[in-house]
Protein backbone atom coordinates (compact mmCIF):
# COMPACT_ATOMS: atom_id res chain seq x y z
CA MET A 1 -19.70 65.59 -17.62
CA THR A 2 -21.09 62.90 -15.38
CA ALA A 3 -19.99 59.79 -13.52
CA LEU A 4 -22.30 56.94 -14.42
CA SER A 5 -22.52 53.44 -12.95
CA PRO A 6 -23.21 50.91 -14.17
CA PRO A 7 -22.59 51.60 -17.87
CA SER A 8 -24.47 49.71 -20.56
CA PRO A 9 -23.37 46.08 -21.14
CA ALA A 10 -21.66 47.08 -24.39
CA ILE A 11 -19.66 49.83 -22.66
CA ALA A 12 -18.76 47.51 -19.78
CA ARG A 13 -17.51 44.85 -22.20
CA ALA A 14 -15.47 47.46 -24.05
CA PHE A 15 -13.92 48.63 -20.77
CA ARG A 16 -12.88 45.07 -20.01
CA LEU A 17 -11.12 44.87 -23.38
CA THR A 18 -9.37 48.20 -22.93
CA LEU A 19 -8.19 47.41 -19.40
CA ASP A 20 -6.76 44.07 -20.54
CA ALA A 21 -5.09 45.66 -23.56
CA ALA A 22 -3.47 48.36 -21.44
CA ALA A 23 -2.35 45.93 -18.73
CA ALA A 24 -0.49 43.89 -21.34
CA TRP A 25 1.83 46.87 -21.88
CA ALA A 26 2.30 47.86 -18.23
CA GLY A 27 6.03 48.17 -17.65
CA ALA A 28 6.74 49.17 -21.25
CA THR A 29 5.31 52.70 -21.45
CA ALA A 30 7.29 54.80 -18.93
CA PRO A 31 7.33 57.70 -18.47
CA ASN A 32 3.82 57.50 -19.95
CA PRO A 33 1.05 55.47 -18.29
CA PRO A 34 -0.41 52.33 -19.85
CA VAL A 35 -3.67 53.24 -21.59
CA GLY A 36 -6.21 51.25 -23.56
CA CYS A 37 -8.92 52.46 -25.93
CA ALA A 38 -11.81 50.85 -27.76
CA VAL A 39 -13.85 52.35 -30.59
CA LEU A 40 -17.50 51.35 -30.80
CA ALA A 41 -20.18 51.74 -33.45
CA ALA A 42 -23.54 53.23 -32.50
CA ASP A 43 -24.98 49.73 -31.97
CA GLY A 44 -22.23 48.79 -29.51
CA ARG A 45 -20.07 46.72 -31.84
CA VAL A 46 -16.36 46.99 -31.09
CA LEU A 47 -14.54 48.31 -34.14
CA ALA A 48 -11.03 48.39 -32.69
CA VAL A 49 -9.08 47.97 -29.46
CA GLU A 50 -5.58 49.40 -29.09
CA ALA A 51 -3.12 50.23 -26.31
CA HIS A 52 -0.28 52.69 -25.92
CA GLN A 53 2.91 50.67 -26.40
CA GLY A 54 5.67 53.07 -25.41
CA ALA A 55 6.86 56.65 -25.21
CA GLY A 56 6.95 58.29 -28.64
CA LEU A 57 4.51 55.78 -30.12
CA PRO A 58 0.84 56.60 -30.86
CA HIS A 59 -1.41 57.04 -27.86
CA ALA A 60 -4.19 54.49 -27.47
CA GLU A 61 -6.94 56.79 -28.77
CA ALA A 62 -5.01 57.74 -31.91
CA ALA A 63 -4.04 54.13 -32.58
CA ALA A 64 -7.61 52.88 -32.14
CA LEU A 65 -9.03 55.55 -34.43
CA ALA A 66 -6.36 54.84 -37.03
CA ALA A 67 -7.40 51.17 -36.99
CA CYS A 68 -10.94 52.26 -37.98
CA ARG A 69 -10.06 54.14 -41.15
CA ASP A 70 -11.79 51.58 -43.33
CA ARG A 71 -14.96 51.93 -41.20
CA TRP A 72 -14.70 55.63 -40.45
CA ASP A 73 -18.40 56.38 -40.83
CA GLU A 74 -19.24 53.78 -38.17
CA VAL A 75 -17.16 55.42 -35.42
CA HIS A 76 -19.47 56.60 -32.65
CA THR A 77 -18.14 56.03 -29.11
CA LEU A 78 -14.68 55.83 -27.57
CA VAL A 79 -14.01 53.93 -24.34
CA VAL A 80 -10.66 54.86 -22.83
CA THR A 81 -9.05 53.92 -19.53
CA LEU A 82 -7.53 57.38 -18.93
CA GLU A 83 -8.79 60.87 -19.68
CA PRO A 84 -7.55 61.84 -23.17
CA CYS A 85 -4.59 64.21 -23.13
CA ASN A 86 -5.03 67.80 -24.25
CA HIS A 87 -1.42 68.92 -24.54
CA HIS A 88 1.45 68.55 -27.01
CA GLY A 89 4.26 66.14 -26.17
CA ARG A 90 6.01 63.69 -28.45
CA THR A 91 2.61 63.16 -30.05
CA GLY A 92 -0.33 65.47 -30.64
CA PRO A 93 -3.22 65.79 -28.18
CA CYS A 94 -5.64 62.88 -28.19
CA SER A 95 -8.48 65.35 -27.75
CA GLU A 96 -7.71 66.73 -31.21
CA ALA A 97 -7.64 63.23 -32.73
CA ILE A 98 -11.06 62.51 -31.22
CA LEU A 99 -12.53 65.82 -32.36
CA ALA A 100 -11.27 65.13 -35.89
CA SER A 101 -13.22 61.83 -35.91
CA PRO A 102 -16.97 61.17 -36.16
CA ALA A 103 -17.08 60.18 -32.47
CA ARG A 104 -19.99 61.60 -30.53
CA ALA A 105 -19.42 60.09 -27.06
CA VAL A 106 -16.44 59.26 -24.85
CA TRP A 107 -16.42 57.06 -21.75
CA ILE A 108 -13.42 57.53 -19.45
CA GLY A 109 -12.07 55.24 -16.74
CA ALA A 110 -9.84 57.58 -14.72
CA ARG A 111 -9.16 61.30 -14.59
CA ASP A 112 -5.69 62.50 -15.57
CA PRO A 113 -3.80 62.88 -12.26
CA ASN A 114 -1.08 65.10 -13.68
CA PRO A 115 -1.54 68.46 -11.88
CA ALA A 116 -0.32 70.33 -14.96
CA VAL A 117 -3.02 68.98 -17.30
CA ALA A 118 -5.78 67.57 -15.08
CA GLY A 119 -9.25 67.90 -16.58
CA GLY A 120 -8.15 69.41 -19.88
CA GLY A 121 -9.10 66.59 -22.22
CA ALA A 122 -12.56 65.82 -20.88
CA ALA A 123 -13.45 69.50 -20.60
CA ARG A 124 -12.39 70.22 -24.16
CA LEU A 125 -14.37 67.29 -25.57
CA SER A 126 -17.44 68.26 -23.59
CA ALA A 127 -17.16 71.90 -24.66
CA ALA A 128 -17.07 70.74 -28.27
CA GLY A 129 -20.43 69.03 -27.84
CA LEU A 130 -19.41 65.40 -27.24
CA ASP A 131 -21.13 63.37 -24.56
CA VAL A 132 -18.43 62.70 -21.95
CA ALA A 133 -18.91 60.39 -18.97
CA PHE A 134 -16.60 59.02 -16.29
CA VAL A 135 -17.33 55.44 -15.31
CA ALA A 136 -17.75 54.64 -11.61
CA GLY A 137 -17.59 51.49 -9.49
CA PRO A 138 -15.22 48.56 -10.11
CA LEU A 139 -14.25 49.68 -13.62
CA ALA A 140 -13.17 53.05 -12.26
CA SER A 141 -11.19 51.31 -9.52
CA GLU A 142 -9.40 49.10 -12.06
CA SER A 143 -8.64 52.12 -14.21
CA ALA A 144 -7.23 53.95 -11.19
CA ARG A 145 -4.99 51.00 -10.30
CA LEU A 146 -3.73 50.81 -13.86
CA ILE A 147 -2.41 54.37 -13.71
CA ALA A 148 -1.53 54.40 -9.99
CA PRO A 149 2.24 54.28 -10.70
CA PHE A 150 1.93 57.20 -13.12
CA ALA A 151 -0.13 59.13 -10.59
CA MET A 152 2.38 58.45 -7.81
CA ARG A 153 5.25 59.86 -9.85
CA ALA A 154 3.21 62.81 -11.19
CA VAL A 155 1.85 63.86 -7.80
CA HIS A 156 4.47 62.70 -5.29
CA GLY A 157 7.64 62.48 -7.37
CA ARG A 158 8.56 58.86 -6.64
CA PRO A 159 7.84 55.48 -8.20
CA TRP A 160 4.96 53.30 -7.08
CA LEU A 161 6.49 50.70 -4.76
CA THR A 162 5.38 47.10 -4.92
CA LEU A 163 6.85 45.01 -2.11
CA LYS A 164 6.92 41.27 -2.79
CA GLN A 165 7.67 38.87 0.05
CA ALA A 166 7.75 35.07 -0.04
CA PHE A 167 7.59 33.03 3.15
CA THR A 168 7.96 29.36 3.95
CA ALA A 169 5.10 27.73 5.83
CA ASP A 170 6.93 28.47 9.11
CA GLY A 171 7.41 32.16 8.30
CA SER A 172 10.99 32.31 6.99
CA MET A 173 12.08 34.26 3.89
CA ILE A 174 15.32 32.26 3.58
CA PRO A 175 15.33 29.48 0.96
CA PRO A 176 16.60 26.03 1.93
CA PRO A 177 20.36 25.46 1.49
CA GLY A 178 21.25 25.10 -2.18
CA SER A 179 18.02 26.73 -3.40
CA LYS A 180 17.15 30.25 -4.55
CA THR A 181 13.41 29.83 -4.21
CA PHE A 182 10.87 27.61 -2.54
CA THR A 183 7.51 28.71 -3.93
CA SER A 184 5.36 26.94 -6.52
CA GLU A 185 5.53 27.40 -10.27
CA ALA A 186 2.36 29.47 -10.13
CA SER A 187 3.95 31.77 -7.56
CA LEU A 188 7.08 32.07 -9.70
CA ASP A 189 4.89 33.08 -12.64
CA LEU A 190 3.26 35.74 -10.43
CA ALA A 191 6.66 37.01 -9.29
CA HIS A 192 7.80 37.36 -12.88
CA ALA A 193 4.54 39.08 -13.85
CA LEU A 194 5.17 41.61 -11.08
CA ARG A 195 8.72 42.04 -12.34
CA ARG A 196 7.49 42.46 -15.93
CA ARG A 197 5.19 45.37 -15.10
CA ALA A 198 7.89 47.18 -13.09
CA ASP A 199 10.35 49.66 -14.57
CA ALA A 200 12.88 48.81 -11.87
CA VAL A 201 13.70 46.05 -9.43
CA ILE A 202 15.09 47.01 -6.03
CA THR A 203 17.23 44.58 -4.08
CA GLY A 204 19.97 44.65 -1.47
CA SER A 205 23.64 43.79 -1.52
CA GLY A 206 22.97 40.97 0.95
CA THR A 207 20.68 39.27 -1.56
CA VAL A 208 23.25 39.81 -4.32
CA LEU A 209 26.02 38.22 -2.23
CA ALA A 210 23.86 35.34 -1.04
CA ASP A 211 22.09 34.38 -4.27
CA ALA A 212 23.45 36.40 -7.23
CA PRO A 213 19.82 36.59 -8.48
CA LEU A 214 19.16 36.99 -12.20
CA LEU A 215 16.15 39.30 -11.65
CA THR A 216 15.10 38.99 -15.29
CA VAL A 217 11.65 38.21 -16.71
CA ARG A 218 11.63 34.61 -17.92
CA HIS A 219 8.30 33.04 -16.96
CA VAL A 220 5.99 35.49 -18.80
CA PRO A 221 6.22 37.46 -22.08
CA ASP A 222 7.95 40.81 -21.68
CA PRO A 223 7.26 43.58 -24.24
CA ARG A 224 9.65 46.07 -22.65
CA ARG A 225 12.10 47.71 -25.05
CA ALA A 226 14.34 49.71 -22.72
CA PRO A 227 16.64 48.00 -20.20
CA ARG A 228 14.92 47.43 -16.85
CA ARG A 229 16.59 49.23 -13.98
CA LEU A 230 18.20 47.18 -11.22
CA ALA A 231 18.72 49.36 -8.14
CA ILE A 232 20.89 47.84 -5.42
CA LEU A 233 20.94 49.26 -1.90
CA ASP A 234 24.53 48.86 -0.72
CA ARG A 235 25.69 51.02 2.19
CA ARG A 236 29.06 49.28 2.46
CA GLY A 237 30.09 48.99 -1.16
CA ARG A 238 29.97 45.20 -1.22
CA THR A 239 28.38 44.62 -4.63
CA PRO A 240 30.87 42.81 -6.91
CA GLN A 241 31.68 44.51 -10.16
CA ALA A 242 31.39 41.13 -11.85
CA TYR A 243 27.75 40.93 -10.79
CA LEU A 244 27.03 44.39 -12.24
CA ALA A 245 28.72 43.43 -15.51
CA ALA A 246 26.74 40.20 -15.71
CA ALA A 247 23.51 42.12 -15.03
CA ARG A 248 24.25 44.40 -17.98
CA GLU A 249 24.83 41.36 -20.17
CA ARG A 250 21.39 40.10 -19.13
CA GLY A 251 19.83 43.34 -20.42
CA LEU A 252 19.49 45.12 -17.08
CA ASP A 253 20.65 48.62 -16.16
CA PRO A 254 22.21 48.25 -12.69
CA SER A 255 23.03 51.02 -10.23
CA VAL A 256 24.25 51.04 -6.62
CA HIS A 257 22.90 53.37 -3.92
CA ALA A 258 23.90 54.20 -0.37
CA ASP A 259 20.43 54.94 0.98
CA ILE A 260 16.75 54.47 0.12
CA PRO A 261 15.86 58.17 -0.50
CA ALA A 262 18.70 58.57 -3.01
CA LEU A 263 17.71 55.31 -4.69
CA LEU A 264 14.07 56.37 -5.11
CA ALA A 265 15.03 59.85 -6.32
CA ASP A 266 17.33 58.35 -8.95
CA LEU A 267 14.61 56.03 -10.21
CA ALA A 268 12.07 58.86 -10.38
CA ASP A 269 14.52 61.10 -12.23
CA GLY A 270 15.00 58.29 -14.73
CA GLY A 271 11.26 58.12 -15.43
CA ALA A 272 10.47 54.91 -13.54
CA LEU A 273 6.77 54.58 -12.73
CA GLU A 274 6.83 51.36 -10.70
CA ALA A 275 9.61 49.68 -8.74
CA LEU A 276 9.40 46.14 -7.37
CA VAL A 277 11.14 45.57 -4.05
CA GLU A 278 12.43 42.01 -4.34
CA ALA A 279 14.85 41.56 -1.49
CA GLY A 280 15.66 39.64 1.67
CA PRO A 281 14.20 40.18 5.13
CA THR A 282 16.48 43.07 6.13
CA LEU A 283 15.70 45.39 3.22
CA SER A 284 12.06 44.34 3.05
CA THR A 285 11.68 45.17 6.74
CA ALA A 286 13.34 48.55 6.17
CA PHE A 287 10.76 49.48 3.53
CA LEU A 288 7.93 48.31 5.77
CA ALA A 289 9.31 50.20 8.78
CA ALA A 290 9.56 53.39 6.69
CA ASP A 291 6.00 52.82 5.41
CA LEU A 292 7.42 52.88 1.90
CA TRP A 293 5.07 50.61 0.00
CA ASP A 294 2.00 51.08 -2.13
CA GLU A 295 1.18 47.46 -2.89
CA ARG A 296 2.35 44.49 -0.84
CA VAL A 297 2.24 40.98 -2.26
CA VAL A 298 2.73 38.23 0.32
CA ILE A 299 3.25 34.65 -0.91
CA THR A 300 3.21 31.87 1.69
CA LYS A 301 4.32 28.36 0.80
CA ALA A 302 1.73 25.71 1.53
CA ALA A 303 2.53 23.49 4.51
CA ARG A 304 1.45 20.37 2.64
CA ALA A 305 3.13 19.31 -0.60
CA GLY A 306 0.90 19.77 -3.62
CA ASP A 307 -1.32 22.40 -2.05
CA PRO A 308 -1.32 25.87 -3.67
CA ASP A 309 0.60 28.72 -2.11
CA THR A 310 -1.38 31.43 -0.37
CA VAL A 311 -1.21 34.85 -2.06
CA GLU A 312 -2.34 38.01 -0.29
CA ILE A 313 -2.32 41.44 -1.95
CA PHE A 314 -2.63 44.65 0.05
CA SER A 315 -3.03 47.80 -2.03
CA ARG A 316 -3.16 51.50 -1.27
CA VAL A 317 -4.72 52.69 -4.51
CA PRO A 318 -6.62 55.93 -3.82
CA ALA A 319 -10.39 55.65 -4.05
CA ALA A 320 -11.68 56.21 -7.59
């Protein structure tokens, strides 16, 4: 097995398709990671592109191969964002599905970070005589970011934490009187995209009392089937029961926690891969002070009307 960079143009194009397909289902697959797979013919033509869509549903490799049944003899190369699994869960091992196909080569974006199964799929495929290569460079980095929440939970036992903060031009996180937000429509779309890919939203009782935020996904399509968790940090028991009931009616699964460690443990136990911290300055500062963040998204409102907001993203994805 080798790490090759750059791949051929056909393989690189296929990786782009698989990454985009997988990203479209981020936030819908927990406790499994989002994964994309493309099947190519020997001449580089893309025969199928599929993504894993949720726990218990076919994995990306099996779904992509199934989509090629009418062109079975053309199957030659698989491009997959994550190392194929080699263990039995709700579905059979993807390594077996690949070995049962005519595929002769497999390109992989990221190694499986799960300590219990790491390396099994690639090693089995290679031992069976398939050409197996791990991509390097930017495609490997994108693949690693795609599964970073899964890796965080598998290795460290907590969700990946994305901390979103929005500031006015003069550095305040407090909206003007009578408003719940002050950023542009584009920034609102980004905020909802971050919310869409998260399995849970974390906020504080102060934000609940001040704004009664909806914390639903409304600006972008949301494929999630299970209720999204809403974890509220509330040391003083101030969260109104009426707010919790209304959250359930909006399709959320709310819970109240007395401290951050208990909150994160509860989310991890429930299978959450990524949690979005969407709170006011007090709770946001607490997460920063505890160094509890993996990706930080900072939105700053433009000083001049009509100018775009400034968006900065700081990420701690391990090197690919």
